[in-house]
Amino acid sequence: TGHVPDATLPTPAGLDPETIARLALTLLGAFGTDVTTDSGATVAGRPAYELTLAPRDTRTLIKSIVIAVDAEAHIPLRLAVLTRDGGAPAFEVAFTELHLVRPDQAQFEFKPPLGTSVVEVDELDPSDLGAHKPGEQMPKTPWRGDESTARPPFALIGQGWTTVFAARLPEAFGAGTRDGDSPTPGLTELLPVVSGDWGSGRLLSTRVFTVLLTDDGRLLAGAVPAEVLYAAAEDPAARFGS
């Protein structure tokens, strides 16, 4: 991870839009991103400027992320993800038509349906809504205090754009991708078999991300080519005691 000098961090009193923009660019640069702008774009018939975020690390599959911002209203009009294999954006969402008008004030007037009882907020008893009372024990949820559904171990390997997410899959989705014991054999059998010093498994490759499902029940994923996942699979942090 990059280090941002303390001198670049503004005080609360200095959080004006220009300062926030400068801080954002500093943070992006610290995490290995080149930022450029171009004012010649047009989106949905409106003039816009493009903000391009390009990773410096060429091992990532992402070539750049381009955000087009309305030159007058300063709202995002388009987001596109470009990959290193070239061609059309791997992902793009954009306005095709946009009209900026002020809603009529009547749109903000609350008109309850006929027969509805209205209670002012200062007259409302929180217990009527089933709110948690002070001192009352919170019910267990799958992510809070229930050992039978404990969250599987996970790790983040690498940094910045080439970070790899690694996790130990639940037992039901663990080993067995190779010998047909997988709970979803129809899906895993469509993926090519791969192997190396890290072990063996199945590989899913797309233009934007790659996923490795190992036969010993691990999942590794990132916006990186397969070779980076293989290296991460050998990292002690991704072994999870195996």
Protein backbone atom coordinates (compact mmCIF):
# COMPACT_ATOMS: atom_id res chain seq x y z
CA THR A 1 0.00 0.00 0.00
CA GLY A 2 1.18 3.51 -0.64
CA HIS A 3 1.90 6.12 2.01
CA VAL A 4 0.32 9.55 1.83
CA PRO A 5 2.43 12.24 3.53
CA ASP A 6 0.69 13.86 6.47
CA ALA A 7 1.20 17.25 4.89
CA THR A 8 -1.25 16.36 2.10
CA LEU A 9 -4.10 15.61 4.51
CA PRO A 10 -6.38 18.66 5.01
CA THR A 11 -7.86 19.78 8.28
CA PRO A 12 -11.67 19.69 8.65
CA ALA A 13 -11.76 23.45 8.13
CA GLY A 14 -10.11 23.06 4.71
CA LEU A 15 -12.51 20.53 3.17
CA ASP A 16 -13.64 22.64 0.22
CA PRO A 17 -14.36 20.95 -3.14
CA GLU A 18 -10.98 21.86 -4.63
CA THR A 19 -9.12 20.45 -1.62
CA ILE A 20 -11.15 17.23 -1.67
CA ALA A 21 -10.41 16.77 -5.38
CA ARG A 22 -6.69 17.33 -4.81
CA LEU A 23 -6.71 14.83 -1.93
CA ALA A 24 -8.51 12.23 -4.06
CA LEU A 25 -5.90 12.56 -6.82
CA THR A 26 -3.10 12.25 -4.25
CA LEU A 27 -4.60 9.06 -2.84
CA LEU A 28 -5.06 7.58 -6.33
CA GLY A 29 -1.45 8.34 -7.14
CA ALA A 30 -0.29 6.73 -3.89
CA PHE A 31 -2.02 3.50 -4.87
CA GLY A 32 -0.35 3.29 -8.27
CA THR A 33 -2.85 5.09 -10.51
CA ASP A 34 -2.22 7.69 -13.19
CA VAL A 35 -5.03 10.23 -13.52
CA THR A 36 -5.64 12.25 -16.69
CA THR A 37 -8.49 14.44 -17.93
CA ASP A 38 -9.91 15.31 -21.35
CA SER A 39 -12.51 18.04 -21.89
CA GLY A 40 -13.59 17.07 -25.39
CA ALA A 41 -16.26 14.43 -24.65
CA THR A 42 -19.99 14.50 -25.37
CA VAL A 43 -22.42 12.16 -23.58
CA ALA A 44 -26.21 12.17 -24.06
CA GLY A 45 -25.83 15.31 -26.13
CA ARG A 46 -24.18 17.18 -23.27
CA PRO A 47 -20.57 18.45 -23.07
CA ALA A 48 -18.51 16.46 -20.60
CA TYR A 49 -14.95 15.94 -19.45
CA GLU A 50 -13.44 12.51 -19.00
CA LEU A 51 -11.47 11.40 -15.96
CA THR A 52 -9.24 8.43 -16.83
CA LEU A 53 -7.78 6.22 -14.09
CA ALA A 54 -4.98 4.01 -15.42
CA PRO A 55 -3.13 1.45 -13.26
CA ARG A 56 0.65 1.68 -13.37
CA ASP A 57 0.98 -2.03 -12.64
CA THR A 58 0.71 -3.75 -16.04
CA ARG A 59 -0.05 -7.15 -14.47
CA THR A 60 -3.69 -6.18 -13.98
CA LEU A 61 -6.24 -6.99 -16.69
CA ILE A 62 -7.67 -3.46 -16.35
CA LYS A 63 -6.20 -0.94 -18.75
CA SER A 64 -8.21 2.01 -17.47
CA ILE A 65 -11.48 3.18 -15.98
CA VAL A 66 -12.99 6.20 -17.72
CA ILE A 67 -15.59 8.38 -16.00
CA ALA A 68 -17.35 11.09 -18.03
CA VAL A 69 -18.62 13.99 -15.92
CA ASP A 70 -21.15 16.60 -17.06
CA ALA A 71 -19.27 19.84 -17.66
CA GLU A 72 -22.14 21.96 -16.32
CA ALA A 73 -23.99 19.88 -13.73
CA HIS A 74 -20.86 17.98 -12.59
CA ILE A 75 -22.66 14.63 -12.35
CA PRO A 76 -21.33 11.33 -13.77
CA LEU A 77 -22.75 10.56 -17.20
CA ARG A 78 -20.77 7.46 -18.22
CA LEU A 79 -18.46 4.86 -16.72
CA ALA A 80 -16.44 2.48 -18.88
CA VAL A 81 -13.93 -0.25 -17.98
CA LEU A 82 -11.27 -0.88 -20.62
CA THR A 83 -9.10 -4.00 -20.62
CA ARG A 84 -5.60 -4.65 -21.93
CA ASP A 85 -6.82 -6.93 -24.72
CA GLY A 86 -8.23 -3.87 -26.50
CA GLY A 87 -11.55 -3.62 -28.27
CA ALA A 88 -14.83 -2.34 -26.88
CA PRO A 89 -15.21 -1.62 -23.15
CA ALA A 90 -15.66 -4.77 -21.07
CA PHE A 91 -18.28 -2.88 -19.06
CA GLU A 92 -20.04 0.39 -19.77
CA VAL A 93 -23.02 2.21 -18.33
CA ALA A 94 -24.12 5.62 -19.59
CA PHE A 95 -27.01 7.99 -20.09
CA THR A 96 -28.35 8.09 -23.63
CA GLU A 97 -30.69 11.01 -22.90
CA LEU A 98 -30.70 13.44 -20.01
CA HIS A 99 -32.95 16.41 -19.15
CA LEU A 100 -32.15 18.40 -16.03
CA VAL A 101 -35.29 20.04 -14.65
CA ARG A 102 -36.33 21.20 -11.19
CA PRO A 103 -39.18 19.04 -9.78
CA ASP A 104 -42.37 20.80 -8.83
CA GLN A 105 -42.54 21.54 -5.11
CA ALA A 106 -45.79 19.56 -4.90
CA GLN A 107 -43.77 16.39 -5.54
CA PHE A 108 -42.28 16.75 -2.05
CA GLU A 109 -45.56 17.18 -0.18
CA PHE A 110 -46.52 14.13 1.88
CA LYS A 111 -50.08 13.04 1.19
CA PRO A 112 -51.01 9.96 3.22
CA PRO A 113 -53.58 7.60 1.73
CA LEU A 114 -57.15 7.83 2.99
CA GLY A 115 -57.64 6.00 6.30
CA THR A 116 -53.97 6.22 7.29
CA SER A 117 -53.05 7.25 10.84
CA VAL A 118 -50.12 9.64 10.99
CA VAL A 119 -47.93 9.82 14.13
CA GLU A 120 -45.37 12.58 14.55
CA VAL A 121 -41.86 11.29 15.16
CA ASP A 122 -41.58 12.94 18.60
CA GLU A 123 -44.70 11.03 19.69
CA LEU A 124 -43.50 7.63 18.46
CA ASP A 125 -42.49 4.91 20.95
CA PRO A 126 -39.50 2.99 19.47
CA SER A 127 -40.76 -0.22 21.13
CA ASP A 128 -43.77 -0.12 18.81
CA LEU A 129 -41.38 -0.80 15.92
CA GLY A 130 -39.62 -3.68 17.64
CA ALA A 131 -36.51 -1.62 18.28
CA HIS A 132 -33.67 -3.08 20.33
CA LYS A 133 -34.00 -2.04 23.99
CA PRO A 134 -30.96 -1.04 26.09
CA GLY A 135 -29.49 -4.08 27.85
CA GLU A 136 -31.40 -6.55 25.71
CA GLN A 137 -29.28 -9.27 24.04
CA MET A 138 -29.12 -8.99 20.29
CA PRO A 139 -30.36 -12.08 18.38
CA LYS A 140 -27.70 -14.16 16.68
CA THR A 141 -27.23 -13.87 12.93
CA PRO A 142 -25.08 -15.86 10.52
CA TRP A 143 -22.39 -13.18 10.81
CA ARG A 144 -22.70 -12.36 14.51
CA GLY A 145 -21.95 -14.96 17.16
CA ASP A 146 -23.32 -18.08 15.46
CA GLU A 147 -20.46 -20.59 15.39
CA SER A 148 -22.40 -23.04 13.21
CA THR A 149 -22.35 -20.56 10.32
CA ALA A 150 -19.00 -18.91 10.94
CA ARG A 151 -17.50 -16.87 8.13
CA PRO A 152 -14.88 -18.84 6.15
CA PRO A 153 -11.25 -17.66 6.40
CA PHE A 154 -10.08 -15.24 3.74
CA ALA A 155 -6.98 -13.25 2.85
CA LEU A 156 -5.96 -10.38 0.57
CA ILE A 157 -2.68 -11.00 -1.21
CA GLY A 158 -0.81 -8.25 -3.02
CA GLN A 159 -1.85 -4.64 -3.23
CA GLY A 160 -3.56 -2.08 -5.39
CA TRP A 161 -4.95 -3.19 -8.72
CA THR A 162 -3.34 -6.65 -8.50
CA THR A 163 -4.81 -7.60 -5.12
CA VAL A 164 -5.97 -11.23 -5.06
CA PHE A 165 -8.86 -12.31 -2.84
CA ALA A 166 -8.36 -15.79 -1.41
CA ALA A 167 -10.86 -17.73 0.69
CA ARG A 168 -11.44 -21.20 2.10
CA LEU A 169 -14.76 -22.30 0.66
CA PRO A 170 -17.41 -23.84 2.92
CA GLU A 171 -17.14 -27.62 3.06
CA ALA A 172 -20.16 -28.08 0.79
CA PHE A 173 -18.33 -26.19 -1.98
CA GLY A 174 -14.83 -27.36 -1.24
CA ALA A 175 -12.75 -30.14 -2.73
CA GLY A 176 -14.04 -32.36 -5.49
CA THR A 177 -13.89 -30.20 -8.59
CA ARG A 178 -11.59 -32.73 -10.20
CA ASP A 179 -13.25 -36.06 -9.43
CA GLY A 180 -16.88 -35.10 -10.01
CA ASP A 181 -17.92 -34.77 -6.34
CA SER A 182 -18.62 -31.04 -6.65
CA PRO A 183 -22.19 -29.93 -5.78
CA THR A 184 -22.25 -28.12 -9.15
CA PRO A 185 -20.48 -30.59 -11.48
CA GLY A 186 -22.26 -29.29 -14.55
CA LEU A 187 -20.65 -25.89 -14.06
CA THR A 188 -17.16 -26.84 -12.94
CA GLU A 189 -16.74 -29.46 -15.65
CA LEU A 190 -17.06 -26.69 -18.23
CA LEU A 191 -13.94 -25.00 -16.85
CA PRO A 192 -10.45 -26.06 -17.99
CA VAL A 193 -8.30 -28.10 -15.59
CA VAL A 194 -5.10 -26.35 -14.47
CA SER A 195 -2.25 -27.40 -12.19
CA GLY A 196 1.10 -26.27 -10.84
CA ASP A 197 3.28 -26.24 -7.74
CA TRP A 198 0.28 -24.78 -5.88
CA GLY A 199 -1.88 -27.88 -6.65
CA SER A 200 -4.66 -28.36 -9.19
CA GLY A 201 -8.14 -27.07 -9.91
CA ARG A 202 -10.36 -25.28 -12.41
CA LEU A 203 -9.94 -21.83 -13.96
CA LEU A 204 -12.52 -19.23 -15.01
CA SER A 205 -11.08 -16.47 -17.21
CA THR A 206 -12.81 -13.29 -18.38
CA ARG A 207 -11.59 -10.01 -19.82
CA VAL A 208 -11.92 -8.29 -16.43
CA PHE A 209 -11.22 -10.91 -13.77
CA THR A 210 -9.95 -14.47 -13.24
CA VAL A 211 -11.15 -17.05 -10.70
CA LEU A 212 -9.27 -20.17 -9.57
CA LEU A 213 -11.14 -23.00 -7.80
CA THR A 214 -8.61 -25.40 -6.30
CA ASP A 215 -9.24 -29.08 -5.63
CA ASP A 216 -8.35 -28.54 -1.96
CA GLY A 217 -11.31 -26.20 -1.50
CA ARG A 218 -9.96 -22.71 -2.05
CA LEU A 219 -11.12 -19.79 -4.20
CA LEU A 220 -8.78 -17.11 -5.52
CA ALA A 221 -9.98 -14.19 -7.63
CA GLY A 222 -8.69 -10.89 -8.94
CA ALA A 223 -8.48 -8.53 -11.90
CA VAL A 224 -5.28 -10.32 -12.90
CA PRO A 225 -4.19 -13.05 -15.34
CA ALA A 226 -4.00 -16.68 -14.24
CA GLU A 227 -0.26 -16.55 -13.52
CA VAL A 228 -0.80 -14.03 -10.74
CA LEU A 229 -3.46 -16.26 -9.16
CA TYR A 230 -1.12 -19.25 -9.32
CA ALA A 231 1.58 -17.29 -7.50
CA ALA A 232 -0.95 -16.14 -4.89
CA ALA A 233 -2.11 -19.74 -4.39
CA GLU A 234 1.42 -20.60 -3.22
CA ASP A 235 1.48 -17.75 -0.72
CA PRO A 236 1.33 -19.01 2.90
CA ALA A 237 -1.54 -16.60 3.59
CA ALA A 238 -3.65 -18.47 1.03
CA ARG A 239 -2.94 -21.94 2.42
CA PHE A 240 -5.35 -21.65 5.36
CA GLY A 241 -3.53 -24.37 7.28
CA SER A 242 -3.55 -26.88 4.41
